[in-house]
Protein backbone atom coordinates (compact mmCIF):
# COMPACT_ATOMS: atom_id res chain seq x y z
CA MET A 1 -23.41 -0.60 -10.06
CA HIS A 2 -23.92 2.98 -9.90
CA LEU A 3 -25.00 4.59 -6.73
CA SER A 4 -24.96 8.07 -5.42
CA ARG A 5 -23.09 9.24 -2.24
CA ALA A 6 -26.36 10.40 -0.76
CA LEU A 7 -28.09 7.10 -1.16
CA LEU A 8 -25.00 5.30 0.00
CA SER A 9 -25.31 7.46 3.20
CA GLY A 10 -28.92 6.35 3.55
CA LEU A 11 -28.00 2.73 3.21
CA ILE A 12 -25.14 3.00 5.70
CA ALA A 13 -27.50 4.39 8.21
CA THR A 14 -30.06 1.57 7.66
CA VAL A 15 -27.36 -1.09 8.16
CA THR A 16 -26.01 0.62 11.32
CA ALA A 17 -29.57 0.96 12.75
CA CYS A 18 -30.21 -2.78 12.00
CA GLY A 19 -27.03 -3.77 14.08
CA LEU A 20 -25.06 -5.04 11.24
CA ALA A 21 -22.43 -2.27 11.01
CA VAL A 22 -20.15 -3.22 13.94
CA SER A 23 -19.11 -6.81 14.35
CA SER A 24 -17.47 -6.45 17.68
CA SER A 25 -19.57 -5.26 20.69
CA ALA A 26 -18.15 -2.88 23.24
CA ALA A 27 -17.95 -5.53 25.71
CA ALA A 28 -15.50 -7.56 23.45
CA ASP A 29 -13.43 -4.53 22.36
CA GLN A 30 -10.59 -5.65 24.57
CA GLY A 31 -9.36 -2.10 25.17
CA HIS A 32 -10.04 -1.00 21.48
CA ALA A 33 -13.34 1.07 21.95
CA ARG A 34 -11.68 4.19 20.76
CA THR A 35 -10.56 2.32 17.71
CA ARG A 36 -13.96 1.03 17.13
CA GLU A 37 -15.45 4.51 17.52
CA ALA A 38 -13.07 5.96 15.09
CA MET A 39 -13.93 3.32 12.55
CA GLU A 40 -17.70 4.19 12.85
CA VAL A 41 -16.88 7.84 12.42
CA MET A 42 -15.31 6.97 9.08
CA VAL A 43 -18.38 5.26 7.94
CA GLU A 44 -20.89 7.60 9.21
CA GLN A 45 -19.29 11.00 8.59
CA ASP A 46 -16.72 10.30 5.68
CA GLY A 47 -19.38 8.04 3.87
CA VAL A 48 -16.91 5.13 3.21
CA PRO A 49 -18.64 1.65 2.79
CA GLY A 50 -16.78 0.04 5.56
CA VAL A 51 -13.65 -0.31 7.79
CA LEU A 52 -11.85 -3.46 8.79
CA ALA A 53 -9.34 -3.77 11.65
CA GLN A 54 -6.85 -6.47 12.95
CA VAL A 55 -4.88 -5.68 15.80
CA GLU A 56 -2.30 -7.67 18.05
CA ASP A 57 -0.96 -6.34 21.31
CA GLY A 58 -0.36 -7.53 24.82
CA ALA A 59 -3.92 -8.49 25.17
CA GLY A 60 -3.93 -10.80 22.23
CA ALA A 61 -5.60 -10.39 18.87
CA TRP A 62 -8.56 -8.30 18.14
CA SER A 63 -10.60 -7.73 14.92
CA GLY A 64 -13.36 -5.17 14.33
CA SER A 65 -15.33 -3.91 11.42
CA ALA A 66 -17.80 -1.06 10.70
CA GLY A 67 -20.10 -0.49 7.76
CA THR A 68 -20.54 -3.01 5.00
CA ALA A 69 -18.59 -4.96 2.60
CA ASP A 70 -21.23 -5.05 0.00
CA TYR A 71 -24.03 -2.39 -0.59
CA THR A 72 -26.17 -4.91 -2.34
CA THR A 73 -26.36 -7.52 0.32
CA GLY A 74 -25.35 -5.51 3.38
CA ARG A 75 -23.13 -8.14 4.62
CA PRO A 76 -20.63 -6.91 7.11
CA ARG A 77 -16.75 -6.99 6.63
CA LEU A 78 -15.31 -10.22 8.06
CA ALA A 79 -11.93 -10.55 9.79
CA LEU A 80 -10.58 -13.05 7.11
CA ASP A 81 -11.73 -10.80 4.20
CA ARG A 82 -8.87 -10.33 1.60
CA TYR A 83 -8.37 -6.90 -0.18
CA ARG A 84 -6.03 -4.96 -2.51
CA ILE A 85 -3.23 -3.62 -0.45
CA GLY A 86 -1.82 -1.00 -3.07
CA SER A 87 1.52 0.46 -2.06
CA LEU A 88 1.99 -1.94 0.95
CA THR A 89 3.51 -4.09 -1.92
CA LYS A 90 6.54 -1.92 -1.52
CA PRO A 91 7.71 -3.21 1.85
CA PHE A 92 7.71 -6.73 0.31
CA VAL A 93 9.57 -5.61 -2.74
CA ALA A 94 12.11 -3.79 -0.69
CA THR A 95 12.69 -6.79 1.78
CA VAL A 96 13.59 -8.98 -1.25
CA LEU A 97 16.12 -6.69 -2.70
CA LEU A 98 17.67 -5.99 0.76
CA GLN A 99 17.71 -9.91 1.23
CA LEU A 100 19.57 -10.04 -2.06
CA GLU A 101 22.13 -7.42 -0.95
CA SER A 102 22.67 -9.48 2.40
CA GLU A 103 23.50 -12.29 0.24
CA GLY A 104 26.10 -10.55 -1.91
CA THR A 105 24.04 -10.66 -5.08
CA LEU A 106 23.85 -6.93 -5.32
CA ARG A 107 24.70 -3.85 -3.55
CA LEU A 108 22.32 -0.84 -2.55
CA ASP A 109 24.78 1.62 -4.06
CA ASP A 110 24.88 -0.25 -7.50
CA PRO A 111 23.84 2.02 -10.39
CA VAL A 112 20.39 0.85 -11.77
CA GLY A 113 22.21 0.78 -15.02
CA ARG A 114 24.19 -2.16 -13.99
CA TRP A 115 21.09 -4.27 -13.66
CA LEU A 116 18.84 -2.46 -16.30
CA PRO A 117 21.33 -1.31 -19.00
CA ASP A 118 18.43 -0.99 -21.47
CA VAL A 119 16.54 1.67 -19.25
CA ARG A 120 19.07 4.38 -19.97
CA LEU A 121 19.22 6.08 -16.68
CA GLY A 122 23.07 6.78 -16.81
CA GLU A 123 22.72 10.43 -17.57
CA TYR A 124 19.64 11.21 -15.48
CA GLY A 125 21.50 13.35 -13.02
CA ALA A 126 23.15 15.57 -15.51
CA ALA A 127 19.87 16.10 -17.17
CA VAL A 128 18.77 18.49 -14.33
CA GLY A 129 22.04 20.64 -14.41
CA GLY A 130 23.61 18.90 -11.50
CA PRO A 131 26.87 16.84 -11.33
CA HIS A 132 26.68 13.55 -13.16
CA ARG A 133 25.06 10.97 -10.72
CA SER A 134 23.87 7.45 -11.52
CA VAL A 135 20.54 6.48 -10.03
CA THR A 136 21.20 3.77 -7.48
CA LEU A 137 19.17 0.91 -6.09
CA ARG A 138 19.03 2.61 -2.61
CA GLN A 139 17.63 5.62 -4.20
CA LEU A 140 14.84 3.68 -5.90
CA LEU A 141 13.75 1.98 -2.45
CA GLY A 142 14.08 5.39 -0.85
CA HIS A 143 12.25 7.54 -3.31
CA THR A 144 15.30 9.81 -3.77
CA SER A 145 15.90 9.00 -7.30
CA GLY A 146 14.47 12.15 -8.88
CA ILE A 147 12.37 9.93 -11.45
CA PRO A 148 8.87 11.17 -11.93
CA ASP A 149 5.93 9.00 -10.91
CA TYR A 150 4.33 7.38 -13.77
CA ALA A 151 1.17 7.44 -12.04
CA ALA A 152 1.11 11.30 -12.25
CA ASP A 153 1.23 11.31 -16.00
CA PRO A 154 -1.37 13.37 -17.30
CA ALA A 155 -2.41 11.08 -20.22
CA LEU A 156 -2.50 8.11 -17.83
CA ARG A 157 -4.54 10.06 -15.31
CA ARG A 158 -7.11 11.18 -17.79
CA THR A 159 -7.62 7.30 -18.72
CA TYR A 160 -7.25 5.45 -15.43
CA PHE A 161 -8.27 8.14 -12.76
CA SER A 162 -11.55 9.18 -14.21
CA PRO A 163 -14.70 7.41 -15.31
CA ARG A 164 -12.85 6.11 -18.41
CA PHE A 165 -11.31 3.60 -15.95
CA LEU A 166 -14.44 1.64 -16.23
CA VAL A 167 -13.60 0.83 -19.74
CA HIS A 168 -9.85 0.49 -19.52
CA ARG A 169 -9.60 -1.42 -16.19
CA TRP A 170 -9.12 -4.77 -18.04
CA HIS A 171 -6.02 -3.66 -20.01
CA SER A 172 -2.65 -5.19 -19.17
CA HIS A 173 0.46 -3.21 -18.68
CA THR A 174 4.17 -3.89 -18.71
CA PRO A 175 6.59 -2.14 -16.40
CA GLU A 176 8.85 -1.13 -19.27
CA LYS A 177 5.89 0.64 -20.96
CA LEU A 178 4.79 2.32 -17.76
CA ILE A 179 8.42 3.36 -16.96
CA GLU A 180 8.66 5.15 -20.40
CA ARG A 181 6.01 7.57 -19.27
CA SER A 182 8.34 8.73 -16.53
CA LEU A 183 11.57 8.64 -18.51
CA SER A 184 9.97 10.99 -21.18
CA ARG A 185 9.64 13.71 -18.61
CA PRO A 186 12.46 15.72 -17.03
CA PRO A 187 13.91 14.51 -13.71
CA LEU A 188 12.60 16.19 -10.62
CA PHE A 189 16.18 16.82 -9.15
CA PRO A 190 19.44 15.23 -9.20
CA PRO A 191 19.50 11.78 -7.85
CA GLY A 192 20.00 11.66 -4.09
CA THR A 193 19.53 15.29 -3.32
CA ARG A 194 15.78 15.28 -2.20
CA TRP A 195 12.89 13.13 -1.61
CA SER A 196 9.72 12.52 -3.70
CA TYR A 197 7.46 9.48 -3.81
CA SER A 198 7.30 7.80 -7.11
CA ASN A 199 5.70 4.37 -8.08
CA THR A 200 8.27 4.28 -11.03
CA ASN A 201 11.05 3.55 -8.51
CA TYR A 202 9.35 0.16 -7.47
CA LEU A 203 8.49 -0.87 -10.98
CA LEU A 204 12.33 -0.48 -11.57
CA ALA A 205 13.14 -2.46 -8.31
CA GLY A 206 10.96 -5.15 -9.34
CA MET A 207 12.73 -5.42 -12.78
CA VAL A 208 16.10 -5.58 -10.95
CA ILE A 209 14.95 -8.41 -8.90
CA GLU A 210 14.00 -10.49 -11.98
CA ARG A 211 17.31 -9.59 -13.61
CA ALA A 212 19.57 -10.49 -10.54
CA THR A 213 17.66 -13.79 -9.75
CA GLY A 214 16.31 -15.00 -13.00
CA ARG A 215 12.77 -15.15 -11.49
CA SER A 216 9.93 -12.52 -11.21
CA TYR A 217 9.76 -10.38 -8.09
CA ALA A 218 6.27 -12.16 -7.46
CA ALA A 219 8.02 -15.58 -7.35
CA GLU A 220 10.84 -14.18 -5.00
CA ILE A 221 8.23 -12.57 -2.72
CA GLU A 222 6.29 -15.93 -2.48
CA ARG A 223 9.43 -17.86 -2.07
CA ARG A 224 11.33 -15.59 0.44
CA ILE A 225 8.40 -14.12 2.51
CA LEU A 226 4.85 -15.59 1.85
CA ARG A 227 5.87 -19.35 2.36
CA PRO A 228 8.19 -18.77 5.23
CA LEU A 229 5.75 -16.72 7.21
CA LYS A 230 2.64 -18.81 5.97
CA LEU A 231 0.95 -15.67 4.51
CA GLU A 232 -1.83 -17.77 3.09
CA ASP A 233 -4.22 -14.85 2.23
CA THR A 234 -1.61 -12.94 0.38
CA ALA A 235 -1.18 -13.03 -3.49
CA LEU A 236 0.30 -11.29 -6.32
CA PRO A 237 -2.30 -11.51 -8.98
CA GLY A 238 -0.29 -10.38 -11.93
CA THR A 239 -2.93 -9.62 -14.77
CA SER A 240 -5.88 -11.53 -13.07
CA SER A 241 -8.74 -9.25 -12.28
CA ARG A 242 -9.96 -11.60 -9.36
CA ILE A 243 -9.53 -11.20 -5.72
CA PRO A 244 -9.10 -15.02 -4.72
CA GLY A 245 -10.91 -16.30 -1.53
CA GLN A 246 -13.17 -14.51 0.82
CA HIS A 247 -13.57 -10.85 0.12
CA GLY A 248 -16.33 -8.16 -0.07
CA LYS A 249 -16.71 -5.53 -2.80
CA GLU A 250 -14.39 -2.52 -3.40
CA TYR A 251 -15.76 0.85 -4.33
CA SER A 252 -14.62 4.08 -6.10
CA THR A 253 -15.69 7.36 -6.95
CA LEU A 254 -13.26 7.17 -9.76
CA PHE A 255 -11.80 10.51 -8.39
CA VAL A 256 -14.56 12.67 -9.83
CA PRO A 257 -14.52 15.89 -7.89
CA GLY A 258 -17.75 17.30 -6.27
CA ALA A 259 -19.83 16.68 -3.08
CA HIS A 260 -21.58 13.50 -4.14
CA PRO A 261 -19.89 11.72 -7.13
CA PRO A 262 -21.17 8.33 -8.19
CA VAL A 263 -19.85 5.35 -6.59
CA ARG A 264 -18.92 2.44 -8.72
CA ASP A 265 -17.99 -1.21 -7.78
CA VAL A 266 -14.29 -1.78 -8.79
CA THR A 267 -13.56 -5.00 -7.12
CA ARG A 268 -12.50 -6.40 -10.45
CA LEU A 269 -9.59 -4.93 -12.24
CA ASN A 270 -6.31 -5.81 -13.96
CA PRO A 271 -3.62 -4.65 -11.26
CA SER A 272 -0.81 -4.70 -13.69
CA LEU A 273 -1.35 -1.04 -13.74
CA ALA A 274 0.31 -0.93 -10.44
CA GLY A 275 2.77 -3.99 -10.81
CA ALA A 276 5.79 -4.03 -8.44
CA SER A 277 4.60 -0.64 -7.01
CA GLY A 278 1.07 -1.75 -5.60
CA GLU A 279 -0.63 -5.12 -7.17
CA MET A 280 -0.82 -7.29 -4.06
CA ILE A 281 -3.75 -8.65 -2.24
CA SER A 282 -3.57 -9.69 1.39
CA SER A 283 -5.75 -9.65 4.82
CA GLY A 284 -5.32 -7.90 8.07
CA ARG A 285 -3.99 -11.36 9.54
CA ASP A 286 -1.22 -11.53 7.17
CA LEU A 287 -0.18 -7.90 7.25
CA VAL A 288 -0.07 -7.86 11.05
CA ARG A 289 2.18 -11.07 10.77
CA PHE A 290 4.36 -9.59 8.10
CA MET A 291 4.98 -6.21 9.52
CA ARG A 292 5.87 -7.73 12.91
CA ALA A 293 8.21 -10.20 11.44
CA LEU A 294 9.87 -7.33 9.40
CA VAL A 295 10.62 -4.96 12.10
CA THR A 296 11.79 -7.48 14.52
CA GLY A 297 14.36 -8.92 12.23
CA ARG A 298 13.02 -12.19 11.11
CA LEU A 299 13.25 -11.30 7.48
CA LEU A 300 16.44 -9.16 7.35
CA PRO A 301 19.83 -9.40 9.02
CA PRO A 302 20.60 -6.43 11.36
CA ARG A 303 22.54 -4.48 8.96
CA GLN A 304 19.76 -4.60 6.30
CA LEU A 305 17.13 -3.81 8.71
CA ALA A 306 19.03 -0.88 9.88
CA GLU A 307 19.47 0.39 6.30
CA MET A 308 15.71 0.05 5.84
CA ARG A 309 15.03 2.00 9.06
CA ALA A 310 17.57 4.78 7.99
CA THR A 311 15.02 7.51 7.21
CA ARG A 312 14.67 11.06 5.87
CA LYS A 313 11.79 13.64 6.17
CA ALA A 314 8.86 12.72 3.89
CA GLY A 315 5.98 14.88 5.64
CA SER A 316 4.93 16.73 8.76
CA THR A 317 4.82 13.54 10.88
CA ASP A 318 6.54 10.94 8.67
CA ARG A 319 9.97 9.93 7.66
CA TYR A 320 10.72 7.40 4.98
CA GLY A 321 13.52 4.73 4.90
CA LEU A 322 13.95 2.04 2.25
CA GLY A 323 10.25 0.86 1.65
CA LEU A 324 9.40 1.60 5.28
CA THR A 325 7.66 4.70 6.89
CA GLU A 326 8.44 5.96 10.38
CA ARG A 327 5.44 7.75 11.68
CA THR A 328 5.27 9.74 15.03
CA LEU A 329 1.70 9.86 16.30
CA SER A 330 0.42 12.95 18.47
CA CYS A 331 1.01 11.19 21.70
CA GLY A 332 4.80 10.59 20.76
CA VAL A 333 4.46 6.95 20.09
CA THR A 334 6.44 6.08 16.91
CA VAL A 335 5.24 3.38 14.63
CA TRP A 336 6.80 1.60 11.51
CA GLY A 337 4.84 0.30 8.35
CA HIS A 338 3.40 1.58 5.18
CA ASP A 339 0.08 2.88 3.50
CA GLY A 340 -1.51 1.61 0.30
CA THR A 341 -4.27 2.95 -2.02
CA ILE A 342 -5.42 1.42 -5.12
CA HIS A 343 -8.88 1.81 -6.81
CA GLY A 344 -11.50 0.93 -4.49
CA SER A 345 -9.22 0.08 -1.41
CA THR A 346 -7.15 2.13 1.23
CA THR A 347 -4.89 0.11 3.59
CA ALA A 348 -2.35 0.76 6.18
CA ALA A 349 -0.26 -1.46 8.59
CA TYR A 350 1.91 -0.16 11.37
CA THR A 351 3.85 -1.58 14.31
CA THR A 352 5.84 -0.52 17.28
CA ALA A 353 9.48 -0.85 16.81
CA ASP A 354 9.59 -3.98 19.11
CA GLY A 355 6.56 -5.49 17.35
CA THR A 356 4.48 -5.82 20.57
CA HIS A 357 1.72 -3.69 19.12
CA THR A 358 0.54 -4.04 15.46
CA ALA A 359 -2.42 -2.81 13.71
CA ALA A 360 -3.63 -3.16 10.12
CA PHE A 361 -6.67 -1.21 8.70
CA ASN A 362 -8.48 -1.50 5.44
CA VAL A 363 -11.25 0.83 3.97
CA ASN A 364 -13.19 -0.62 0.89
CA GLY A 365 -13.41 2.75 -0.72
CA ASP A 366 -10.84 5.11 -2.01
CA TRP A 367 -12.31 8.54 -1.27
CA SER A 368 -11.71 8.77 2.46
CA GLY A 369 -8.33 10.39 2.66
CA ASP A 370 -6.13 8.33 4.98
CA THR A 371 -6.32 6.08 8.04
CA ARG A 372 -4.30 8.27 10.41
CA ASP A 373 -7.15 8.85 12.79
CA LEU A 374 -7.45 5.07 13.27
CA PHE A 375 -3.91 4.70 14.32
CA GLU A 376 -4.11 7.63 16.64
CA ALA A 377 -7.21 5.95 18.26
CA GLU A 378 -5.33 2.60 18.50
CA PHE A 379 -1.89 3.60 19.71
CA CYS A 380 -2.84 6.81 21.70
CA HIS A 381 -5.67 5.59 23.78
């Protein structure tokens, strides 16, 4: 499907006028009216297809939606819709690795080369003129390894972050081949000396889990997290292009610059391009349950949870731990969680440290920037 942004704006206005854009009335907002308004602003002003919210706080559970799940049918987004969560996969991977550390299977300060001797990271620190330092598992989880992001590779971006994606989106990828793109480039800095977000780190972390357990990171996430928490909407699709179960459409401008680039339906794609850095599918209900369980200690012993929450500066309002972001909102409230973007989908889930107020948002489009205004509206009302 090929629609212009101008035409989509007209469709959104029509849907809104017909009363289909918002699934929760003001009377049923349960104190989330500002959040609902922020969602509508994203649809009406940013031109995204739709926004879906799931919140749990002292008043109970609330779900809301704005816009549409499908430009063709005009159906609204529904509370139990599943969607791709991109880098929100990372807290799941980090949790498994920290569980393995708590069990004595590995140590956070193990060199990656101990587990992946074929990757040849041993001299990586020396390559940037610093003292010899081996990249460690801790540095992978905390994005302090200095390893470049494979997703920033110019050749990969020309193929997968442009209209050429429509031809190549069915291709399968192995983490080894994706990692080669990073290791062929100079390190960004000596390991452990700075912070720089790199999806390559989590491809490596997924490989370490497999080497340490004899099972794939997907099998370990399912066994250790999905089943115990009964996250029935959450899946690791591997190379499958489908979103299983109830879902809407996901749309992309394919990162074409300009005021009104064409919008494409990219619901079906092979997520092995993201792998352990961002392949997962979930729902608002599952993400709220996972994030609350994680920060309140249901998944990790106190020492490992403290390691995960030991953060360093990663932006003007964010700090990053081991697979977990600490964000301070304008009203002074601190929340913990992660963001995730993949073609056609933008997701974020955050919770207060005590787990009493948790929110997950999804936008079924990838051109809207981020979801910060939604969290400001939800947590700072």
